[in-house]
N, C-alpha and C. Protein backbone atom coordinates (compact mmCIF):
# COMPACT_ATOMS: atom_id res chain seq x y z
N MET A 1 24.28 -3.41 2.40
CA MET A 1 23.46 -2.86 1.35
C MET A 1 21.93 -3.14 1.68
N LYS A 2 21.65 -4.34 2.21
CA LYS A 2 20.28 -4.61 2.55
C LYS A 2 19.67 -3.60 3.35
N VAL A 3 20.41 -2.97 4.21
CA VAL A 3 19.90 -2.01 5.07
C VAL A 3 19.18 -0.90 4.33
N LEU A 4 19.74 -0.50 3.14
CA LEU A 4 19.27 0.59 2.35
C LEU A 4 17.79 0.13 1.94
N PHE A 5 17.51 -0.93 1.70
CA PHE A 5 16.29 -1.49 1.28
C PHE A 5 15.23 -1.35 2.50
N TYR A 6 15.69 -1.71 3.67
CA TYR A 6 14.86 -1.58 4.86
C TYR A 6 14.44 -0.03 5.06
N PHE A 7 15.56 0.89 4.73
CA PHE A 7 15.22 2.27 4.92
C PHE A 7 14.30 2.72 3.79
N ILE A 8 14.34 2.48 2.72
CA ILE A 8 13.47 2.62 1.64
C ILE A 8 11.87 2.08 1.99
N ALA A 9 11.83 1.01 2.45
CA ALA A 9 10.61 0.58 2.80
C ALA A 9 10.05 1.48 3.99
N LEU A 10 10.90 1.89 5.00
CA LEU A 10 10.36 2.80 5.93
C LEU A 10 10.08 4.06 5.55
N VAL A 11 10.64 4.65 4.53
CA VAL A 11 10.25 6.08 3.86
C VAL A 11 9.07 5.74 3.03
N ALA A 12 8.93 4.57 2.48
CA ALA A 12 7.67 4.22 1.75
C ALA A 12 6.38 4.36 2.58
N GLY A 13 6.73 3.70 3.75
CA GLY A 13 5.47 3.67 4.82
C GLY A 13 5.04 4.98 5.34
N ALA A 14 6.36 5.92 5.62
CA ALA A 14 6.12 7.13 5.99
C ALA A 14 5.29 7.95 5.20
N SER A 15 5.66 7.82 3.70
CA SER A 15 5.01 8.66 2.76
C SER A 15 3.46 8.05 2.60
N LEU A 16 3.08 6.89 2.89
CA LEU A 16 1.72 6.72 2.82
C LEU A 16 0.92 7.32 3.86
N SER A 17 1.62 7.43 5.16
CA SER A 17 0.90 8.16 6.19
C SER A 17 0.70 9.68 5.64
N ILE A 18 1.73 10.27 5.02
CA ILE A 18 1.43 11.58 4.55
C ILE A 18 0.49 11.68 3.66
N GLU A 19 0.52 10.63 2.60
CA GLU A 19 -0.53 10.61 1.51
C GLU A 19 -2.04 10.69 2.07
N GLY A 20 -1.91 9.67 3.10
CA GLY A 20 -3.33 9.47 4.01
C GLY A 20 -3.89 10.84 4.31
N ALA A 21 -3.00 11.52 5.21
CA ALA A 21 -3.34 12.91 5.69
C ALA A 21 -3.80 13.78 4.63
N ILE A 22 -2.97 13.96 3.70
CA ILE A 22 -3.20 14.87 2.58
C ILE A 22 -4.63 14.59 1.85
N GLY A 23 -4.75 13.24 1.47
CA GLY A 23 -5.87 12.89 0.80
C GLY A 23 -7.18 13.08 1.67
N GLY A 24 -7.07 12.72 3.02
CA GLY A 24 -8.16 12.82 4.08
C GLY A 24 -8.63 14.22 4.03
N THR A 25 -7.67 15.24 3.87
CA THR A 25 -8.21 16.54 4.02
C THR A 25 -8.60 17.28 2.61
N LEU A 26 -7.91 16.63 1.40
CA LEU A 26 -8.48 17.12 0.31
C LEU A 26 -9.78 16.55 -0.08
N GLY A 27 -10.02 15.24 0.35
CA GLY A 27 -11.16 14.72 0.01
C GLY A 27 -12.44 15.37 0.63
N ARG A 28 -12.32 16.09 1.86
CA ARG A 28 -13.25 16.94 2.24
C ARG A 28 -13.60 18.09 1.27
N ASN A 29 -12.72 18.61 0.70
CA ASN A 29 -12.77 19.77 -0.12
C ASN A 29 -13.39 19.31 -1.70
N ILE A 30 -12.82 18.26 -2.24
CA ILE A 30 -13.26 17.91 -3.46
C ILE A 30 -14.01 16.58 -3.69
N GLY A 31 -14.15 15.86 -2.40
CA GLY A 31 -14.90 14.63 -2.57
C GLY A 31 -13.76 13.35 -2.71
N GLU A 32 -14.12 12.34 -2.10
CA GLU A 32 -13.37 11.13 -1.91
C GLU A 32 -12.93 10.45 -3.24
N ILE A 33 -13.67 10.30 -3.96
CA ILE A 33 -13.47 9.55 -5.37
C ILE A 33 -12.76 10.64 -6.17
N GLU A 34 -13.09 11.79 -6.22
CA GLU A 34 -12.25 12.89 -7.10
C GLU A 34 -10.86 12.83 -6.41
N THR A 35 -10.73 13.00 -5.23
CA THR A 35 -9.24 13.06 -4.60
C THR A 35 -8.68 11.71 -4.97
N THR A 36 -9.12 10.60 -5.01
CA THR A 36 -8.47 9.41 -5.35
C THR A 36 -8.06 9.54 -6.89
N PHE A 37 -8.97 10.03 -7.67
CA PHE A 37 -8.78 10.22 -9.24
C PHE A 37 -7.58 11.13 -9.26
N TYR A 38 -7.52 12.40 -8.52
CA TYR A 38 -6.58 13.37 -8.74
C TYR A 38 -5.22 12.94 -8.33
N MET A 39 -5.13 11.96 -7.13
CA MET A 39 -3.87 11.48 -6.54
C MET A 39 -3.31 10.53 -7.58
N PHE A 40 -4.16 9.71 -8.06
CA PHE A 40 -3.63 8.85 -9.09
C PHE A 40 -3.20 9.39 -10.47
N THR A 41 -3.99 10.42 -10.83
CA THR A 41 -3.38 11.14 -12.03
C THR A 41 -2.06 11.74 -11.97
N ILE A 42 -1.77 12.31 -10.69
CA ILE A 42 -0.67 13.20 -10.39
C ILE A 42 0.59 11.85 -10.22
N GLY A 43 0.16 10.84 -9.55
CA GLY A 43 1.04 9.76 -9.62
C GLY A 43 1.48 9.09 -11.03
N PHE A 44 0.37 9.04 -11.78
CA PHE A 44 0.62 8.41 -13.19
C PHE A 44 1.60 9.43 -13.98
N MET A 45 1.16 10.82 -13.83
CA MET A 45 2.36 11.59 -14.56
C MET A 45 3.75 11.53 -13.99
N THR A 46 3.79 11.35 -12.65
CA THR A 46 5.14 11.28 -11.97
C THR A 46 5.92 10.19 -12.56
N ILE A 47 5.03 8.91 -12.54
CA ILE A 47 5.93 7.75 -12.67
C ILE A 47 6.13 7.66 -14.32
N LEU A 48 5.29 8.18 -14.95
CA LEU A 48 5.32 8.31 -16.62
C LEU A 48 6.76 9.00 -16.75
N LEU A 49 6.91 10.11 -16.13
CA LEU A 49 8.27 10.98 -16.48
C LEU A 49 9.33 9.97 -15.89
N ILE A 50 9.27 9.38 -14.69
CA ILE A 50 10.41 8.59 -14.26
C ILE A 50 10.74 7.52 -15.26
N THR A 51 9.55 6.87 -15.67
CA THR A 51 9.78 5.72 -16.60
C THR A 51 10.51 6.04 -18.04
N LEU A 52 10.05 7.32 -18.52
CA LEU A 52 10.61 7.87 -19.72
C LEU A 52 12.06 8.15 -19.66
N PHE A 53 12.42 8.45 -18.42
CA PHE A 53 13.98 8.85 -18.27
C PHE A 53 14.77 7.91 -17.56
N LEU A 54 14.23 7.03 -16.88
CA LEU A 54 15.00 5.97 -16.05
C LEU A 54 14.53 4.43 -16.30
N GLY A 55 13.31 4.29 -16.95
CA GLY A 55 13.04 2.92 -17.07
C GLY A 55 13.71 2.21 -18.13
N LYS A 56 14.27 0.90 -17.86
CA LYS A 56 14.81 -0.06 -18.48
C LYS A 56 13.98 -1.34 -18.97
N GLY A 57 12.85 -1.41 -18.57
CA GLY A 57 11.96 -2.64 -18.83
C GLY A 57 11.56 -2.49 -20.18
N ASP A 58 10.46 -3.36 -20.33
CA ASP A 58 9.61 -3.68 -21.65
C ASP A 58 8.25 -3.62 -21.33
N LEU A 59 7.61 -2.44 -21.38
CA LEU A 59 6.18 -2.42 -21.20
C LEU A 59 5.37 -3.32 -22.09
N SER A 60 5.76 -3.54 -23.17
CA SER A 60 5.06 -4.47 -24.11
C SER A 60 4.73 -5.93 -23.55
N GLN A 61 5.53 -6.24 -22.53
CA GLN A 61 5.46 -7.43 -21.82
C GLN A 61 4.13 -7.63 -21.09
N MET A 62 3.51 -6.48 -20.91
CA MET A 62 2.24 -6.58 -19.97
C MET A 62 1.07 -7.20 -20.73
N PHE A 63 1.14 -7.25 -22.17
CA PHE A 63 0.26 -7.96 -23.04
C PHE A 63 0.45 -9.63 -23.14
N LYS A 64 1.62 -9.97 -22.56
CA LYS A 64 1.99 -11.41 -22.55
C LYS A 64 1.80 -12.11 -21.18
N VAL A 65 1.73 -11.34 -20.10
CA VAL A 65 1.48 -12.03 -18.74
C VAL A 65 0.20 -12.20 -18.32
N PRO A 66 -0.14 -13.25 -17.63
CA PRO A 66 -1.49 -13.55 -17.24
C PRO A 66 -2.31 -12.35 -16.68
N LYS A 67 -3.61 -12.08 -17.03
CA LYS A 67 -4.10 -10.85 -16.79
C LYS A 67 -4.42 -10.68 -15.34
N TRP A 68 -4.42 -11.56 -14.28
CA TRP A 68 -4.64 -11.31 -13.10
C TRP A 68 -3.41 -10.54 -12.47
N LYS A 69 -2.16 -10.68 -13.21
CA LYS A 69 -1.04 -9.60 -12.68
C LYS A 69 -1.25 -8.24 -12.87
N LEU A 70 -2.23 -7.80 -13.69
CA LEU A 70 -2.37 -6.63 -14.00
C LEU A 70 -3.33 -5.69 -12.96
N ILE A 71 -3.91 -6.41 -12.01
CA ILE A 71 -4.95 -5.62 -11.02
C ILE A 71 -4.30 -4.90 -10.07
N GLY A 72 -2.97 -4.73 -9.81
CA GLY A 72 -2.51 -4.09 -8.89
C GLY A 72 -2.64 -2.61 -8.81
N GLY A 73 -2.83 -2.13 -9.97
CA GLY A 73 -3.21 -0.82 -9.91
C GLY A 73 -4.55 -0.39 -9.36
N SER A 74 -5.53 -1.34 -9.61
CA SER A 74 -7.00 -1.24 -9.05
C SER A 74 -6.87 -1.31 -7.67
N LEU A 75 -5.98 -2.27 -7.06
CA LEU A 75 -5.92 -2.47 -5.65
C LEU A 75 -5.35 -1.31 -5.17
N GLY A 76 -4.31 -0.75 -5.58
CA GLY A 76 -3.76 0.43 -5.07
C GLY A 76 -4.75 1.48 -5.09
N SER A 77 -5.58 1.72 -6.13
CA SER A 77 -6.61 2.76 -6.08
C SER A 77 -7.53 2.55 -5.06
N PHE A 78 -7.99 1.44 -4.81
CA PHE A 78 -8.97 0.80 -3.68
C PHE A 78 -8.33 1.31 -2.35
N TYR A 79 -7.05 1.03 -2.23
CA TYR A 79 -6.35 1.15 -0.83
C TYR A 79 -6.35 2.76 -0.77
N ASN A 80 -6.01 3.55 -1.73
CA ASN A 80 -5.86 5.00 -1.60
C ASN A 80 -7.35 5.53 -1.19
N LEU A 81 -8.44 5.10 -2.00
CA LEU A 81 -9.60 5.57 -1.76
C LEU A 81 -10.23 5.27 -0.29
N MET A 82 -9.79 4.20 0.12
CA MET A 82 -10.27 3.63 1.50
C MET A 82 -9.67 4.55 2.59
N LEU A 83 -8.34 5.12 2.38
CA LEU A 83 -7.57 5.90 3.24
C LEU A 83 -8.24 7.28 3.21
N VAL A 84 -8.66 7.68 2.14
CA VAL A 84 -9.22 9.13 1.89
C VAL A 84 -10.49 9.17 2.63
N ILE A 85 -11.28 7.93 2.62
CA ILE A 85 -12.66 8.03 3.20
C ILE A 85 -12.28 7.73 4.61
N SER A 86 -11.36 7.11 5.20
CA SER A 86 -11.37 6.71 6.58
C SER A 86 -10.48 7.85 7.42
N VAL A 87 -9.67 8.38 6.77
CA VAL A 87 -8.82 9.40 7.51
C VAL A 87 -9.61 10.46 8.44
N PRO A 88 -10.50 11.27 7.51
CA PRO A 88 -11.37 12.15 8.18
C PRO A 88 -12.30 11.71 9.28
N ILE A 89 -12.50 10.68 9.19
CA ILE A 89 -13.50 9.86 10.18
C ILE A 89 -12.86 9.25 11.47
N ILE A 90 -11.75 8.35 11.26
CA ILE A 90 -11.16 7.80 12.37
C ILE A 90 -9.72 8.47 12.71
N GLY A 91 -9.04 9.05 11.73
CA GLY A 91 -7.73 9.60 11.94
C GLY A 91 -6.65 8.96 11.24
N VAL A 92 -5.54 9.63 10.87
CA VAL A 92 -4.43 9.18 10.25
C VAL A 92 -3.88 7.89 10.81
N GLY A 93 -3.77 7.96 12.23
CA GLY A 93 -3.11 6.94 13.12
C GLY A 93 -3.82 5.60 12.86
N ILE A 94 -5.07 5.66 13.15
CA ILE A 94 -5.97 4.46 13.19
C ILE A 94 -5.96 3.81 11.90
N SER A 95 -6.17 4.64 10.72
CA SER A 95 -6.28 4.17 9.54
C SER A 95 -5.16 3.45 9.01
N VAL A 96 -4.11 4.08 9.27
CA VAL A 96 -2.57 3.55 8.82
C VAL A 96 -2.36 2.31 9.65
N ILE A 97 -2.58 2.09 10.89
CA ILE A 97 -2.29 0.92 11.71
C ILE A 97 -3.31 -0.12 11.14
N ALA A 98 -4.63 0.31 11.04
CA ALA A 98 -5.48 -0.84 10.37
C ALA A 98 -5.12 -1.30 8.96
N ALA A 99 -4.56 -0.34 8.17
CA ALA A 99 -4.24 -0.81 6.90
C ALA A 99 -2.92 -1.64 7.08
N LEU A 100 -1.96 -1.45 7.98
CA LEU A 100 -0.74 -2.03 8.13
C LEU A 100 -1.29 -3.49 8.61
N PHE A 101 -2.13 -3.54 9.53
CA PHE A 101 -2.33 -4.68 10.04
C PHE A 101 -2.99 -5.57 8.93
N GLY A 102 -3.79 -5.13 8.22
CA GLY A 102 -4.43 -5.92 6.86
C GLY A 102 -3.25 -6.23 6.01
N GLN A 103 -2.18 -5.31 5.91
CA GLN A 103 -1.12 -5.77 4.87
C GLN A 103 -0.21 -6.90 5.58
N ILE A 104 0.12 -6.78 6.84
CA ILE A 104 1.05 -7.79 7.48
C ILE A 104 0.17 -9.07 7.68
N ALA A 105 -1.05 -9.20 7.98
CA ALA A 105 -1.81 -10.41 8.13
C ALA A 105 -1.94 -11.02 6.67
N MET A 106 -2.21 -10.30 5.64
CA MET A 106 -2.51 -10.85 4.31
C MET A 106 -1.19 -11.27 3.73
N SER A 107 0.03 -10.55 4.07
CA SER A 107 1.32 -10.82 3.51
C SER A 107 1.85 -12.22 4.08
N ALA A 108 1.45 -12.42 5.26
CA ALA A 108 1.79 -13.57 5.99
C ALA A 108 1.14 -14.75 5.36
N LEU A 109 -0.21 -14.65 4.92
CA LEU A 109 -0.79 -15.67 4.33
C LEU A 109 -0.36 -16.00 2.93
N ILE A 110 -0.04 -14.82 2.06
CA ILE A 110 0.50 -15.05 0.57
C ILE A 110 1.74 -15.77 0.92
N GLU A 111 2.70 -15.47 1.73
CA GLU A 111 3.93 -15.93 1.88
C GLU A 111 3.74 -17.22 2.32
N HIS A 112 2.92 -17.71 3.15
CA HIS A 112 2.95 -19.04 3.89
C HIS A 112 2.50 -20.13 2.74
N TYR A 113 1.55 -19.79 1.96
CA TYR A 113 1.00 -20.71 0.96
C TYR A 113 1.74 -20.35 -0.37
N GLY A 114 2.57 -19.10 -0.57
CA GLY A 114 3.07 -19.05 -1.76
C GLY A 114 2.09 -18.54 -2.99
N TRP A 115 1.02 -17.81 -2.57
CA TRP A 115 0.13 -17.44 -3.37
C TRP A 115 0.53 -16.35 -4.27
N LEU A 116 0.08 -16.23 -5.45
CA LEU A 116 0.37 -15.16 -6.55
C LEU A 116 1.80 -15.33 -6.81
N GLU A 117 2.41 -16.49 -6.77
CA GLU A 117 3.66 -16.76 -7.40
C GLU A 117 4.72 -16.16 -6.60
N SER A 118 4.46 -15.96 -5.22
CA SER A 118 5.31 -15.40 -4.36
C SER A 118 6.29 -16.43 -3.80
N SER A 119 7.37 -16.13 -3.17
CA SER A 119 8.10 -17.05 -2.48
C SER A 119 7.60 -17.60 -1.40
N LYS A 120 7.61 -19.07 -0.83
CA LYS A 120 7.05 -19.40 0.21
C LYS A 120 7.89 -19.28 1.51
N ILE A 121 7.27 -18.62 2.34
CA ILE A 121 7.97 -18.38 3.56
C ILE A 121 6.98 -18.78 4.82
N LYS A 122 7.52 -19.85 5.36
CA LYS A 122 6.51 -20.41 6.50
C LYS A 122 6.11 -19.37 7.49
N PHE A 123 4.85 -19.49 8.01
CA PHE A 123 4.39 -18.79 9.05
C PHE A 123 4.85 -19.35 10.48
N ASN A 124 5.47 -18.41 11.20
CA ASN A 124 6.15 -18.89 12.37
C ASN A 124 5.69 -18.21 13.68
N LYS A 125 6.21 -18.56 14.82
CA LYS A 125 5.80 -18.00 15.97
C LYS A 125 5.94 -16.39 15.99
N ASN A 126 7.03 -15.99 15.64
CA ASN A 126 7.47 -14.61 15.56
C ASN A 126 6.49 -13.68 14.77
N LYS A 127 6.07 -14.13 13.65
CA LYS A 127 5.12 -13.45 12.74
C LYS A 127 3.85 -13.40 13.61
N GLY A 128 3.43 -14.57 14.10
CA GLY A 128 2.08 -14.53 14.80
C GLY A 128 2.18 -13.70 15.87
N ILE A 129 3.35 -13.61 16.78
CA ILE A 129 3.47 -12.48 17.87
C ILE A 129 3.27 -11.22 17.22
N ALA A 130 3.96 -10.93 16.24
CA ALA A 130 3.96 -9.59 15.60
C ALA A 130 2.72 -9.05 15.25
N ILE A 131 1.85 -10.00 14.55
CA ILE A 131 0.55 -9.79 14.26
C ILE A 131 -0.50 -9.61 15.32
N VAL A 132 -0.28 -10.36 16.45
CA VAL A 132 -0.96 -10.11 17.66
C VAL A 132 -0.54 -8.71 18.18
N LEU A 133 0.59 -8.29 18.27
CA LEU A 133 0.99 -6.92 18.87
C LEU A 133 0.58 -5.96 18.01
N LEU A 134 0.50 -6.08 16.91
CA LEU A 134 0.08 -5.14 15.87
C LEU A 134 -1.65 -4.81 16.12
N ALA A 135 -2.30 -5.83 16.38
CA ALA A 135 -3.56 -5.88 16.71
C ALA A 135 -3.68 -5.16 17.91
N ALA A 136 -2.84 -5.59 18.96
CA ALA A 136 -2.97 -4.83 20.20
C ALA A 136 -2.62 -3.34 20.08
N SER A 137 -1.69 -2.94 19.15
CA SER A 137 -1.39 -1.60 19.08
C SER A 137 -2.61 -0.85 18.35
N LEU A 138 -3.29 -1.49 17.55
CA LEU A 138 -4.51 -0.80 17.02
C LEU A 138 -5.73 -0.66 17.93
N TYR A 139 -5.80 -1.63 18.93
CA TYR A 139 -6.76 -1.45 20.01
C TYR A 139 -6.26 -0.28 20.89
N LEU A 140 -4.86 -0.40 21.26
CA LEU A 140 -4.60 0.62 22.32
C LEU A 140 -4.64 2.07 21.63
N VAL A 141 -4.26 2.17 20.39
CA VAL A 141 -4.45 3.50 19.62
C VAL A 141 -5.90 3.98 19.51
N TYR A 142 -6.67 3.01 19.33
CA TYR A 142 -8.12 3.35 19.26
C TYR A 142 -8.89 3.78 20.56
């Protein structure tokens, strides 16, 4: 069953590359910030429909959680905007590898220290090697 979640994460990563490519070309037509606005508007409408028909949570809880937990949408918008800006200049591959490098390096720090109420997972040699290899892949693709 756990393999299904690895596959879902793989599909999510592939969809980000597609989104970056689409956003990069759309940004040339309508502007980078406008593209990010458009993409998040469409994303909002999509997730609104999914929430209405499949949601089982309690949105009212967002008024009770610490406010720092609500910045995720802003970070997602920033990520998307940075892809829209960088893809036309350096390409989908470099943009996504650089973003992935940033994600993996930051996730290793977050897990190691248990920041943001995440589970503590100690940094180890294998993670270090993976980060170095990813940096090497960024260099080689560049």
